[in-house]
Amino acid sequence: MKEALGCPILGDTIYAQIQRQLIKMPRLMLHAWKLEFQHPITKLGLKFEAPVPEAFGPWMKKNG
């Protein structure tokens, strides 16, 4: 993310400047809530969903 968008992932200890982050992250704040891809052998479509971890709650922007 740092190289592509100029914005590191929260909690990234390699590319982020931890000393400049206003909120201290307990871990890397990266999660894929939904993944879809085609199985390379069977060619079947696979879909997976996982809820956002509760630990992310305090840092999630509320919509509405």
PDB file of N, CA and C in Angstrom:
ATOM      1  N   MET A   1       0.825  -1.192   0.000  1.00  0.00           N
ATOM      2  CA  MET A   1       0.000   0.000   0.000  1.00  0.00           C
ATOM      3  C   MET A   1       0.870   1.256   0.000  1.00  0.00           C
ATOM      4  N   LYS A   2       1.953   1.219   0.719  1.00  0.00           N
ATOM      5  CA  LYS A   2       2.828   2.392   0.782  1.00  0.00           C
ATOM      6  C   LYS A   2       3.370   2.732  -0.599  1.00  0.00           C
ATOM      7  N   GLU A   3       3.837   1.710  -1.314  1.00  0.00           N
ATOM      8  CA  GLU A   3       4.409   1.955  -2.626  1.00  0.00           C
ATOM      9  C   GLU A   3       3.339   2.277  -3.668  1.00  0.00           C
ATOM     10  N   ALA A   4       2.182   1.622  -3.606  1.00  0.00           N
ATOM     11  CA  ALA A   4       1.135   1.809  -4.611  1.00  0.00           C
ATOM     12  C   ALA A   4       0.334   3.090  -4.393  1.00  0.00           C
ATOM     13  N   LEU A   5      -0.044   3.359  -3.143  1.00  0.00           N
ATOM     14  CA  LEU A   5      -0.912   4.497  -2.852  1.00  0.00           C
ATOM     15  C   LEU A   5      -0.266   5.575  -2.000  1.00  0.00           C
ATOM     16  N   GLY A   6       0.945   5.305  -1.522  1.00  0.00           N
ATOM     17  CA  GLY A   6       1.611   6.276  -0.668  1.00  0.00           C
ATOM     18  C   GLY A   6       1.078   6.297   0.756  1.00  0.00           C
ATOM     19  N   CYS A   7       0.347   5.253   1.118  1.00  0.00           N
ATOM     20  CA  CYS A   7      -0.253   5.194   2.455  1.00  0.00           C
ATOM     21  C   CYS A   7      -0.058   3.788   3.021  1.00  0.00           C
ATOM     22  N   PRO A   8       0.780   3.622   4.034  1.00  0.00           N
ATOM     23  CA  PRO A   8       0.995   2.291   4.595  1.00  0.00           C
ATOM     24  C   PRO A   8      -0.236   1.796   5.355  1.00  0.00           C
ATOM     25  N   ILE A   9      -0.311   0.516   5.567  1.00  0.00           N
ATOM     26  CA  ILE A   9      -1.387  -0.089   6.341  1.00  0.00           C
ATOM     27  C   ILE A   9      -1.158   0.235   7.809  1.00  0.00           C
ATOM     28  N   LEU A  10      -2.234   0.544   8.526  1.00  0.00           N
ATOM     29  CA  LEU A  10      -2.102   0.818   9.958  1.00  0.00           C
ATOM     30  C   LEU A  10      -1.455  -0.361  10.659  1.00  0.00           C
ATOM     31  N   GLY A  11      -0.506  -0.094  11.507  1.00  0.00           N
ATOM     32  CA  GLY A  11       0.177  -1.120  12.268  1.00  0.00           C
ATOM     33  C   GLY A  11       1.363  -1.725  11.550  1.00  0.00           C
ATOM     34  N   ASP A  12       1.655  -1.259  10.332  1.00  0.00           N
ATOM     35  CA  ASP A  12       2.789  -1.784   9.562  1.00  0.00           C
ATOM     36  C   ASP A  12       4.087  -1.275  10.177  1.00  0.00           C
ATOM     37  N   THR A  13       4.873  -2.191  10.702  1.00  0.00           N
ATOM     38  CA  THR A  13       6.119  -1.794  11.370  1.00  0.00           C
ATOM     39  C   THR A  13       7.295  -1.685  10.395  1.00  0.00           C
ATOM     40  N   ILE A  14       7.090  -2.089   9.151  1.00  0.00           N
ATOM     41  CA  ILE A  14       8.178  -2.010   8.171  1.00  0.00           C
ATOM     42  C   ILE A  14       8.119  -0.706   7.381  1.00  0.00           C
ATOM     43  N   TYR A  15       6.971  -0.384   6.787  1.00  0.00           N
ATOM     44  CA  TYR A  15       6.867   0.784   5.917  1.00  0.00           C
ATOM     45  C   TYR A  15       6.283   2.022   6.594  1.00  0.00           C
ATOM     46  N   ALA A  16       5.524   1.824   7.652  1.00  0.00           N
ATOM     47  CA  ALA A  16       4.914   2.966   8.336  1.00  0.00           C
ATOM     48  C   ALA A  16       5.917   3.624   9.277  1.00  0.00           C
ATOM     49  N   GLN A  17       5.713   4.884   9.537  1.00  0.00           N
ATOM     50  CA  GLN A  17       6.524   5.582  10.529  1.00  0.00           C
ATOM     51  C   GLN A  17       5.739   5.534  11.836  1.00  0.00           C
ATOM     52  N   ILE A  18       5.957   4.464  12.581  1.00  0.00           N
ATOM     53  CA  ILE A  18       5.186   4.187  13.794  1.00  0.00           C
ATOM     54  C   ILE A  18       5.177   5.376  14.742  1.00  0.00           C
ATOM     55  N   GLN A  19       6.289   6.064  14.882  1.00  0.00           N
ATOM     56  CA  GLN A  19       6.368   7.191  15.813  1.00  0.00           C
ATOM     57  C   GLN A  19       5.432   8.329  15.411  1.00  0.00           C
ATOM     58  N   ARG A  20       4.990   8.376  14.144  1.00  0.00           N
ATOM     59  CA  ARG A  20       4.111   9.445  13.678  1.00  0.00           C
ATOM     60  C   ARG A  20       2.634   9.061  13.740  1.00  0.00           C
ATOM     61  N   GLN A  21       2.318   7.788  14.019  1.00  0.00           N
ATOM     62  CA  GLN A  21       0.926   7.368  14.082  1.00  0.00           C
ATOM     63  C   GLN A  21       0.312   7.853  15.391  1.00  0.00           C
ATOM     64  N   LEU A  22      -0.828   8.505  15.272  1.00  0.00           N
ATOM     65  CA  LEU A  22      -1.504   9.054  16.446  1.00  0.00           C
ATOM     66  C   LEU A  22      -2.125   7.968  17.317  1.00  0.00           C
ATOM     67  N   ILE A  23      -2.512   6.868  16.695  1.00  0.00           N
ATOM     68  CA  ILE A  23      -3.121   5.759  17.424  1.00  0.00           C
ATOM     69  C   ILE A  23      -2.187   4.567  17.329  1.00  0.00           C
ATOM     70  N   LYS A  24      -1.885   3.958  18.443  1.00  0.00           N
ATOM     71  CA  LYS A  24      -1.004   2.791  18.450  1.00  0.00           C
ATOM     72  C   LYS A  24      -1.820   1.547  18.101  1.00  0.00           C
ATOM     73  N   MET A  25      -1.382   0.817  17.105  1.00  0.00           N
ATOM     74  CA  MET A  25      -2.075  -0.379  16.650  1.00  0.00           C
ATOM     75  C   MET A  25      -1.498  -1.611  17.334  1.00  0.00           C
ATOM     76  N   PRO A  26      -2.354  -2.525  17.795  1.00  0.00           N
ATOM     77  CA  PRO A  26      -1.869  -3.735  18.437  1.00  0.00           C
ATOM     78  C   PRO A  26      -1.332  -4.761  17.442  1.00  0.00           C
ATOM     79  N   ARG A  27      -1.657  -4.567  16.155  1.00  0.00           N
ATOM     80  CA  ARG A  27      -1.255  -5.520  15.122  1.00  0.00           C
ATOM     81  C   ARG A  27      -1.427  -4.875  13.758  1.00  0.00           C
ATOM     82  N   LEU A  28      -1.026  -5.579  12.727  1.00  0.00           N
ATOM     83  CA  LEU A  28      -1.238  -5.107  11.369  1.00  0.00           C
ATOM     84  C   LEU A  28      -2.733  -5.094  11.098  1.00  0.00           C
ATOM     85  N   MET A  29      -3.272  -3.951  10.736  1.00  0.00           N
ATOM     86  CA  MET A  29      -4.715  -3.796  10.547  1.00  0.00           C
ATOM     87  C   MET A  29      -5.085  -4.067   9.088  1.00  0.00           C
ATOM     88  N   LEU A  30      -4.988  -5.343   8.703  1.00  0.00           N
ATOM     89  CA  LEU A  30      -5.274  -5.771   7.346  1.00  0.00           C
ATOM     90  C   LEU A  30      -6.196  -6.978   7.402  1.00  0.00           C
ATOM     91  N   HIS A  31      -7.295  -6.915   6.649  1.00  0.00           N
ATOM     92  CA  HIS A  31      -8.265  -8.007   6.669  1.00  0.00           C
ATOM     93  C   HIS A  31      -9.021  -8.023   5.351  1.00  0.00           C
ATOM     94  N   ALA A  32      -9.151  -9.194   4.752  1.00  0.00           N
ATOM     95  CA  ALA A  32      -9.976  -9.357   3.556  1.00  0.00           C
ATOM     96  C   ALA A  32     -11.309  -9.927   4.007  1.00  0.00           C
ATOM     97  N   TRP A  33     -12.352  -9.120   3.970  1.00  0.00           N
ATOM     98  CA  TRP A  33     -13.654  -9.607   4.436  1.00  0.00           C
ATOM     99  C   TRP A  33     -14.348 -10.448   3.383  1.00  0.00           C
ATOM    100  N   LYS A  34     -13.924 -10.291   2.110  1.00  0.00           N
ATOM    101  CA  LYS A  34     -14.549 -11.061   1.047  1.00  0.00           C
ATOM    102  C   LYS A  34     -13.508 -11.399  -0.025  1.00  0.00           C
ATOM    103  N   LEU A  35     -13.451 -12.677  -0.398  1.00  0.00           N
ATOM    104  CA  LEU A  35     -12.548 -13.128  -1.455  1.00  0.00           C
ATOM    105  C   LEU A  35     -13.341 -13.971  -2.451  1.00  0.00           C
ATOM    106  N   GLU A  36     -13.085 -13.770  -3.726  1.00  0.00           N
ATOM    107  CA  GLU A  36     -13.701 -14.584  -4.770  1.00  0.00           C
ATOM    108  C   GLU A  36     -12.632 -14.903  -5.816  1.00  0.00           C
ATOM    109  N   PHE A  37     -12.562 -16.159  -6.201  1.00  0.00           N
ATOM    110  CA  PHE A  37     -11.632 -16.537  -7.254  1.00  0.00           C
ATOM    111  C   PHE A  37     -12.053 -17.872  -7.847  1.00  0.00           C
ATOM    112  N   GLN A  38     -11.462 -18.194  -8.979  1.00  0.00           N
ATOM    113  CA  GLN A  38     -11.751 -19.445  -9.654  1.00  0.00           C
ATOM    114  C   GLN A  38     -10.700 -20.477  -9.261  1.00  0.00           C
ATOM    115  N   HIS A  39     -11.166 -21.669  -8.869  1.00  0.00           N
ATOM    116  CA  HIS A  39     -10.239 -22.735  -8.508  1.00  0.00           C
ATOM    117  C   HIS A  39      -9.399 -23.082  -9.736  1.00  0.00           C
ATOM    118  N   PRO A  40      -8.075 -23.172  -9.586  1.00  0.00           N
ATOM    119  CA  PRO A  40      -7.211 -23.380 -10.750  1.00  0.00           C
ATOM    120  C   PRO A  40      -7.375 -24.743 -11.445  1.00  0.00           C
ATOM    121  N   ILE A  41      -7.886 -25.738 -10.738  1.00  0.00           N
ATOM    122  CA  ILE A  41      -8.034 -27.069 -11.342  1.00  0.00           C
ATOM    123  C   ILE A  41      -9.476 -27.334 -11.762  1.00  0.00           C
ATOM    124  N   THR A  42     -10.410 -27.142 -10.830  1.00  0.00           N
ATOM    125  CA  THR A  42     -11.812 -27.455 -11.126  1.00  0.00           C
ATOM    126  C   THR A  42     -12.521 -26.345 -11.882  1.00  0.00           C
ATOM    127  N   LYS A  43     -11.956 -25.149 -11.866  1.00  0.00           N
ATOM    128  CA  LYS A  43     -12.539 -23.962 -12.513  1.00  0.00           C
ATOM    129  C   LYS A  43     -13.846 -23.512 -11.861  1.00  0.00           C
ATOM    130  N   LEU A  44     -14.172 -24.087 -10.715  1.00  0.00           N
ATOM    131  CA  LEU A  44     -15.363 -23.662  -9.984  1.00  0.00           C
ATOM    132  C   LEU A  44     -15.112 -22.315  -9.323  1.00  0.00           C
ATOM    133  N   GLY A  45     -16.153 -21.482  -9.257  1.00  0.00           N
ATOM    134  CA  GLY A  45     -16.040 -20.212  -8.562  1.00  0.00           C
ATOM    135  C   GLY A  45     -16.100 -20.438  -7.057  1.00  0.00           C
ATOM    136  N   LEU A  46     -15.174 -19.867  -6.334  1.00  0.00           N
ATOM    137  CA  LEU A  46     -15.129 -19.996  -4.881  1.00  0.00           C
ATOM    138  C   LEU A  46     -15.332 -18.617  -4.259  1.00  0.00           C
ATOM    139  N   LYS A  47     -16.150 -18.574  -3.224  1.00  0.00           N
ATOM    140  CA  LYS A  47     -16.422 -17.313  -2.518  1.00  0.00           C
ATOM    141  C   LYS A  47     -16.274 -17.551  -1.025  1.00  0.00           C
ATOM    142  N   PHE A  48     -15.587 -16.632  -0.372  1.00  0.00           N
ATOM    143  CA  PHE A  48     -15.378 -16.711   1.074  1.00  0.00           C
ATOM    144  C   PHE A  48     -15.651 -15.353   1.690  1.00  0.00           C
ATOM    145  N   GLU A  49     -16.304 -15.339   2.844  1.00  0.00           N
ATOM    146  CA  GLU A  49     -16.531 -14.094   3.580  1.00  0.00           C
ATOM    147  C   GLU A  49     -16.190 -14.317   5.041  1.00  0.00           C
ATOM    148  N   ALA A  50     -15.623 -13.300   5.658  1.00  0.00           N
ATOM    149  CA  ALA A  50     -15.272 -13.357   7.078  1.00  0.00           C
ATOM    150  C   ALA A  50     -15.574 -11.985   7.677  1.00  0.00           C
ATOM    151  N   PRO A  51     -16.219 -11.933   8.832  1.00  0.00           N
ATOM    152  CA  PRO A  51     -16.511 -10.633   9.438  1.00  0.00           C
ATOM    153  C   PRO A  51     -15.233  -9.897   9.828  1.00  0.00           C
ATOM    154  N   VAL A  52     -15.333  -8.597   9.868  1.00  0.00           N
ATOM    155  CA  VAL A  52     -14.209  -7.770  10.308  1.00  0.00           C
ATOM    156  C   VAL A  52     -13.940  -8.093  11.775  1.00  0.00           C
ATOM    157  N   PRO A  53     -12.690  -8.330  12.153  1.00  0.00           N
ATOM    158  CA  PRO A  53     -12.379  -8.657  13.546  1.00  0.00           C
ATOM    159  C   PRO A  53     -12.840  -7.558  14.517  1.00  0.00           C
ATOM    160  N   GLU A  54     -13.337  -7.966  15.655  1.00  0.00           N
ATOM    161  CA  GLU A  54     -13.805  -7.013  16.666  1.00  0.00           C
ATOM    162  C   GLU A  54     -12.715  -6.026  17.066  1.00  0.00           C
ATOM    163  N   ALA A  55     -11.469  -6.466  17.033  1.00  0.00           N
ATOM    164  CA  ALA A  55     -10.353  -5.599  17.414  1.00  0.00           C
ATOM    165  C   ALA A  55     -10.242  -4.381  16.507  1.00  0.00           C
ATOM    166  N   PHE A  56     -10.813  -4.443  15.311  1.00  0.00           N
ATOM    167  CA  PHE A  56     -10.761  -3.317  14.383  1.00  0.00           C
ATOM    168  C   PHE A  56     -11.799  -2.250  14.730  1.00  0.00           C
ATOM    169  N   GLY A  57     -12.797  -2.607  15.539  1.00  0.00           N
ATOM    170  CA  GLY A  57     -13.920  -1.725  15.857  1.00  0.00           C
ATOM    171  C   GLY A  57     -13.571  -0.286  16.192  1.00  0.00           C
ATOM    172  N   PRO A  58     -12.663  -0.035  17.129  1.00  0.00           N
ATOM    173  CA  PRO A  58     -12.359   1.347  17.493  1.00  0.00           C
ATOM    174  C   PRO A  58     -11.778   2.187  16.364  1.00  0.00           C
ATOM    175  N   TRP A  59     -11.257   1.541  15.315  1.00  0.00           N
ATOM    176  CA  TRP A  59     -10.627   2.290  14.236  1.00  0.00           C
ATOM    177  C   TRP A  59     -11.456   2.307  12.958  1.00  0.00           C
ATOM    178  N   MET A  60     -12.622   1.688  12.970  1.00  0.00           N
ATOM    179  CA  MET A  60     -13.481   1.660  11.784  1.00  0.00           C
ATOM    180  C   MET A  60     -14.297   2.942  11.707  1.00  0.00           C
ATOM    181  N   LYS A  61     -14.387   3.504  10.503  1.00  0.00           N
ATOM    182  CA  LYS A  61     -15.207   4.692  10.289  1.00  0.00           C
ATOM    183  C   LYS A  61     -16.658   4.255  10.209  1.00  0.00           C
ATOM    184  N   LYS A  62     -17.500   4.896  10.966  1.00  0.00           N
ATOM    185  CA  LYS A  62     -18.930   4.595  10.969  1.00  0.00           C
ATOM    186  C   LYS A  62     -19.602   5.358   9.828  1.00  0.00           C
ATOM    187  N   ASN A  63     -20.395   4.667   9.049  1.00  0.00           N
ATOM    188  CA  ASN A  63     -21.159   5.301   7.965  1.00  0.00           C
ATOM    189  C   ASN A  63     -22.615   5.378   8.366  1.00  0.00           C
ATOM    190  N   GLY A  64     -23.187   6.576   8.264  1.00  0.00           N
ATOM    191  CA  GLY A  64     -24.616   6.750   8.544  1.00  0.00           C
ATOM    192  C   GLY A  64     -24.825   6.936   9.959  1.00  0.00           C
TER     193      GLY A  64
END
